[in-house]
C-alpha atoms as a PDB file:
ATOM      1  CA  MET A   1       5.393  32.331   0.915  1.00  0.00           C
ATOM      2  CA  GLU A   2       1.862  33.357   1.848  1.00  0.00           C
ATOM      3  CA  VAL A   3       0.643  32.456   5.346  1.00  0.00           C
ATOM      4  CA  ALA A   4      -2.296  30.445   3.942  1.00  0.00           C
ATOM      5  CA  GLU A   5       0.086  28.389   1.775  1.00  0.00           C
ATOM      6  CA  HIS A   6       2.267  27.612   4.765  1.00  0.00           C
ATOM      7  CA  LEU A   7      -0.646  26.634   7.029  1.00  0.00           C
ATOM      8  CA  ALA A   8      -2.028  24.185   4.455  1.00  0.00           C
ATOM      9  CA  ASP A   9       1.369  22.743   3.627  1.00  0.00           C
ATOM     10  CA  LYS A  10       0.932  19.148   4.830  1.00  0.00           C
ATOM     11  CA  ILE A  11      -2.160  16.958   4.844  1.00  0.00           C
ATOM     12  CA  ALA A  12      -2.837  13.286   5.497  1.00  0.00           C
ATOM     13  CA  GLN A  13      -5.598  10.749   5.007  1.00  0.00           C
ATOM     14  CA  LEU A  14      -6.030   7.244   6.467  1.00  0.00           C
ATOM     15  CA  ILE A  15      -8.016   4.686   4.450  1.00  0.00           C
ATOM     16  CA  PRO A  16      -8.743   1.181   5.782  1.00  0.00           C
ATOM     17  CA  VAL A  17      -9.234  -1.431   3.026  1.00  0.00           C
ATOM     18  CA  THR A  18     -10.019  -5.148   3.069  1.00  0.00           C
ATOM     19  CA  ARG A  19      -8.631  -7.125   0.130  1.00  0.00           C
ATOM     20  CA  ASP A  20      -9.353 -10.691  -1.027  1.00  0.00           C
ATOM     21  CA  LEU A  21      -5.857 -12.144  -1.448  1.00  0.00           C
ATOM     22  CA  THR A  22      -6.882 -14.474  -4.273  1.00  0.00           C
ATOM     23  CA  LEU A  23      -7.872 -11.608  -6.627  1.00  0.00           C
ATOM     24  CA  GLY A  24      -5.529 -10.036  -9.147  1.00  0.00           C
ATOM     25  CA  GLY A  25      -6.289  -6.873 -11.103  1.00  0.00           C
ATOM     26  CA  THR A  26      -6.396  -3.149 -10.472  1.00  0.00           C
ATOM     27  CA  GLN A  27      -7.955  -1.600  -7.355  1.00  0.00           C
ATOM     28  CA  ARG A  28      -8.547   2.159  -7.346  1.00  0.00           C
ATOM     29  CA  ILE A  29      -7.932   3.948  -4.026  1.00  0.00           C
ATOM     30  CA  THR A  30      -9.726   7.315  -3.992  1.00  0.00           C
ATOM     31  CA  THR A  31      -8.116  10.172  -2.059  1.00  0.00           C
ATOM     32  CA  ASN A  32      -8.878  13.839  -1.347  1.00  0.00           C
ATOM     33  CA  PHE A  33      -5.555  15.019  -2.836  1.00  0.00           C
ATOM     34  CA  LYS A  34      -2.525  13.888  -4.840  1.00  0.00           C
ATOM     35  CA  ALA A  35      -0.250  11.662  -2.767  1.00  0.00           C
ATOM     36  CA  LYS A  36       3.343  12.677  -2.147  1.00  0.00           C
ATOM     37  CA  SER A  37       3.985   9.503  -0.122  1.00  0.00           C
ATOM     38  CA  VAL A  38       2.006   6.392   0.824  1.00  0.00           C
ATOM     39  CA  GLU A  39       2.508   3.866   3.616  1.00  0.00           C
ATOM     40  CA  ILE A  40       0.598   0.581   3.820  1.00  0.00           C
ATOM     41  CA  LYS A  41       0.562  -1.468   7.015  1.00  0.00           C
ATOM     42  CA  ALA A  42      -1.262  -4.732   6.396  1.00  0.00           C
ATOM     43  CA  PHE A  43      -2.021  -7.972   8.177  1.00  0.00           C
ATOM     44  CA  ILE A  44      -3.997 -11.166   7.724  1.00  0.00           C
ATOM     45  CA  PRO A  45      -6.407 -11.489  10.687  1.00  0.00           C
ATOM     46  CA  ASN A  46      -5.735 -14.296  13.172  1.00  0.00           C
ATOM     47  CA  THR A  47      -2.200 -14.885  11.856  1.00  0.00           C
ATOM     48  CA  LYS A  48       1.270 -13.440  12.418  1.00  0.00           C
ATOM     49  CA  ILE A  49       1.534 -12.363   8.770  1.00  0.00           C
ATOM     50  CA  THR A  50       2.280  -8.677   8.188  1.00  0.00           C
ATOM     51  CA  SER A  51       3.369  -6.472   5.301  1.00  0.00           C
ATOM     52  CA  HIS A  52       4.691  -2.924   5.720  1.00  0.00           C
ATOM     53  CA  GLY A  53       5.293  -0.970   2.526  1.00  0.00           C
ATOM     54  CA  PHE A  54       6.202   2.541   1.404  1.00  0.00           C
ATOM     55  CA  TRP A  55       5.898   4.537  -1.818  1.00  0.00           C
ATOM     56  CA  ALA A  56       7.600   7.904  -2.444  1.00  0.00           C
ATOM     57  CA  GLU A  57       6.861  10.595  -5.018  1.00  0.00           C
ATOM     58  CA  ASP A  58      10.001   9.671  -6.972  1.00  0.00           C
ATOM     59  CA  GLY A  59       8.421   6.245  -7.670  1.00  0.00           C
ATOM     60  CA  THR A  60      10.428   4.282  -5.112  1.00  0.00           C
ATOM     61  CA  GLN A  61       8.493   1.357  -3.583  1.00  0.00           C
ATOM     62  CA  ARG A  62       9.747  -0.828  -0.737  1.00  0.00           C
ATOM     63  CA  VAL A  63       8.136  -3.491   1.437  1.00  0.00           C
ATOM     64  CA  HIS A  64       9.023  -5.653   4.445  1.00  0.00           C
ATOM     65  CA  PHE A  65       7.065  -8.903   4.900  1.00  0.00           C
ATOM     66  CA  THR A  66       6.855 -11.190   7.960  1.00  0.00           C
ATOM     67  CA  ASP A  67       5.535 -14.746   7.557  1.00  0.00           C
ATOM     68  CA  VAL A  68       3.734 -17.088   9.985  1.00  0.00           C
ATOM     69  CA  ASN A  69       7.030 -18.401  11.363  1.00  0.00           C
ATOM     70  CA  GLY A  70       8.523 -14.980  12.030  1.00  0.00           C
ATOM     71  CA  GLY A  71      10.749 -15.110   8.961  1.00  0.00           C
ATOM     72  CA  SER A  72      10.982 -11.948   6.909  1.00  0.00           C
ATOM     73  CA  LEU A  73      12.086 -10.588   3.584  1.00  0.00           C
ATOM     74  CA  GLY A  74      12.013  -7.335   1.659  1.00  0.00           C
ATOM     75  CA  SER A  75      11.356  -6.233  -1.893  1.00  0.00           C
ATOM     76  CA  ASN A  76      12.433  -3.110  -3.763  1.00  0.00           C
ATOM     77  CA  THR A  77       9.702  -3.206  -6.425  1.00  0.00           C
ATOM     78  CA  VAL A  78       6.295  -3.413  -4.703  1.00  0.00           C
ATOM     79  CA  ILE A  79       4.376  -1.802  -1.808  1.00  0.00           C
ATOM     80  CA  TYR A  80       2.568  -4.981  -0.616  1.00  0.00           C
ATOM     81  CA  PHE A  81       3.807  -8.581  -0.539  1.00  0.00           C
ATOM     82  CA  ILE A  82       2.964 -11.933   1.062  1.00  0.00           C
ATOM     83  CA  ASN A  83       3.916 -15.463   0.149  1.00  0.00           C
ATOM     84  CA  THR A  84       3.256 -19.020   1.240  1.00  0.00           C
ATOM     85  CA  ASP A  85       6.537 -20.088  -0.364  1.00  0.00           C
ATOM     86  CA  THR A  86       8.753 -18.881  -3.203  1.00  0.00           C
ATOM     87  CA  THR A  87       6.245 -19.824  -5.916  1.00  0.00           C
ATOM     88  CA  ASN A  88       2.940 -18.704  -4.333  1.00  0.00           C
ATOM     89  CA  THR A  89       2.688 -14.947  -3.826  1.00  0.00           C
ATOM     90  CA  THR A  90       0.332 -11.979  -3.730  1.00  0.00           C
ATOM     91  CA  ARG A  91       1.842  -8.556  -4.311  1.00  0.00           C
ATOM     92  CA  ALA A  92       0.730  -5.049  -5.226  1.00  0.00           C
ATOM     93  CA  MET A  93       2.455  -2.208  -7.022  1.00  0.00           C
ATOM     94  CA  LEU A  94       1.295   1.388  -6.569  1.00  0.00           C
ATOM     95  CA  ASN A  95       0.644   3.071  -9.921  1.00  0.00           C
ATOM     96  CA  ASN A  96      -1.204   5.910 -11.734  1.00  0.00           C
ATOM     97  CA  ILE A  97      -1.042   8.557  -9.003  1.00  0.00           C
ATOM     98  CA  ASP A  98      -3.215  11.627  -9.702  1.00  0.00           C
ATOM     99  CA  ASP A  99      -5.241  14.318  -7.890  1.00  0.00           C
ATOM    100  CA  THR A 100      -8.052  11.875  -7.004  1.00  0.00           C
ATOM    101  CA  GLY A 101      -6.107   8.799  -5.918  1.00  0.00           C
ATOM    102  CA  PHE A 102      -3.957   5.938  -7.167  1.00  0.00           C
ATOM    103  CA  ASP A 103      -4.139   2.325  -8.304  1.00  0.00           C
ATOM    104  CA  LEU A 104      -2.933  -0.775  -6.530  1.00  0.00           C
ATOM    105  CA  VAL A 105      -2.108  -3.281  -9.273  1.00  0.00           C
ATOM    106  CA  TRP A 106      -2.442  -6.749  -7.729  1.00  0.00           C
ATOM    107  CA  ASP A 107      -0.505  -9.752  -9.030  1.00  0.00           C
ATOM    108  CA  VAL A 108      -1.341 -13.254  -7.781  1.00  0.00           C
ATOM    109  CA  VAL A 109       1.065 -16.088  -8.619  1.00  0.00           C
ATOM    110  CA  GLY A 110       0.273 -19.724  -7.845  1.00  0.00           C
ATOM    111  CA  THR A 111      -1.932 -20.427  -4.833  1.00  0.00           C
ATOM    112  CA  PRO A 112      -1.182 -17.856  -2.116  1.00  0.00           C
ATOM    113  CA  TYR A 113      -3.055 -17.418   1.158  1.00  0.00           C
ATOM    114  CA  SER A 114      -6.820 -17.431   0.810  1.00  0.00           C
ATOM    115  CA  GLY A 115      -9.038 -15.030   2.699  1.00  0.00           C
ATOM    116  CA  ASN A 116      -8.658 -11.313   3.282  1.00  0.00           C
ATOM    117  CA  ALA A 117      -5.923  -8.928   4.276  1.00  0.00           C
ATOM    118  CA  VAL A 118      -6.622  -5.702   6.142  1.00  0.00           C
ATOM    119  CA  LEU A 119      -4.670  -2.740   4.743  1.00  0.00           C
ATOM    120  CA  LEU A 120      -4.271   0.514   6.648  1.00  0.00           C
ATOM    121  CA  ILE A 121      -3.261   3.018   3.973  1.00  0.00           C
ATOM    122  CA  SER A 122      -1.731   6.314   5.131  1.00  0.00           C
ATOM    123  CA  ILE A 123      -1.466   8.968   2.407  1.00  0.00           C
ATOM    124  CA  HIS A 124       0.518  12.197   2.780  1.00  0.00           C
ATOM    125  CA  GLY A 125       0.487  15.260   0.547  1.00  0.00           C
ATOM    126  CA  HIS A 126       0.536  19.042   0.337  1.00  0.00           C
ATOM    127  CA  GLY A 127      -2.554  21.092   1.093  1.00  0.00           C
ATOM    128  CA  GLY A 128      -3.199  23.776  -1.481  1.00  0.00           C
ATOM    129  CA  ASP A 129      -6.913  24.629  -1.600  1.00  0.00           C
ATOM    130  CA  ILE A 130      -8.291  21.668   0.329  1.00  0.00           C
END
């Protein structure tokens, strides 16, 4: 391995995003490199609601959600999740990863929380010629 390749082996980028929780659809997240892993820590301001999700290069997505009462649950299919009850949810799946970013595909079911969530997106990759 060349020294330059070794020195540029690991890179990271942090992107803060605000998302309206009532909107479905696809949201493009632009990055400086192709993600090898993604972590999203999210919260709804002025509440106790949090969502902590992970995506790995093999396509695995996992999330842990905490509601206003301190209850929690997990999901093995999405990177972001909140719910007001079992029939009113907002969730996002990470998709279409390439050299310039990835998509968060948002799915809104019923009438979930209104307002915005703050997402702190941490992306990790390998350097190359950056």
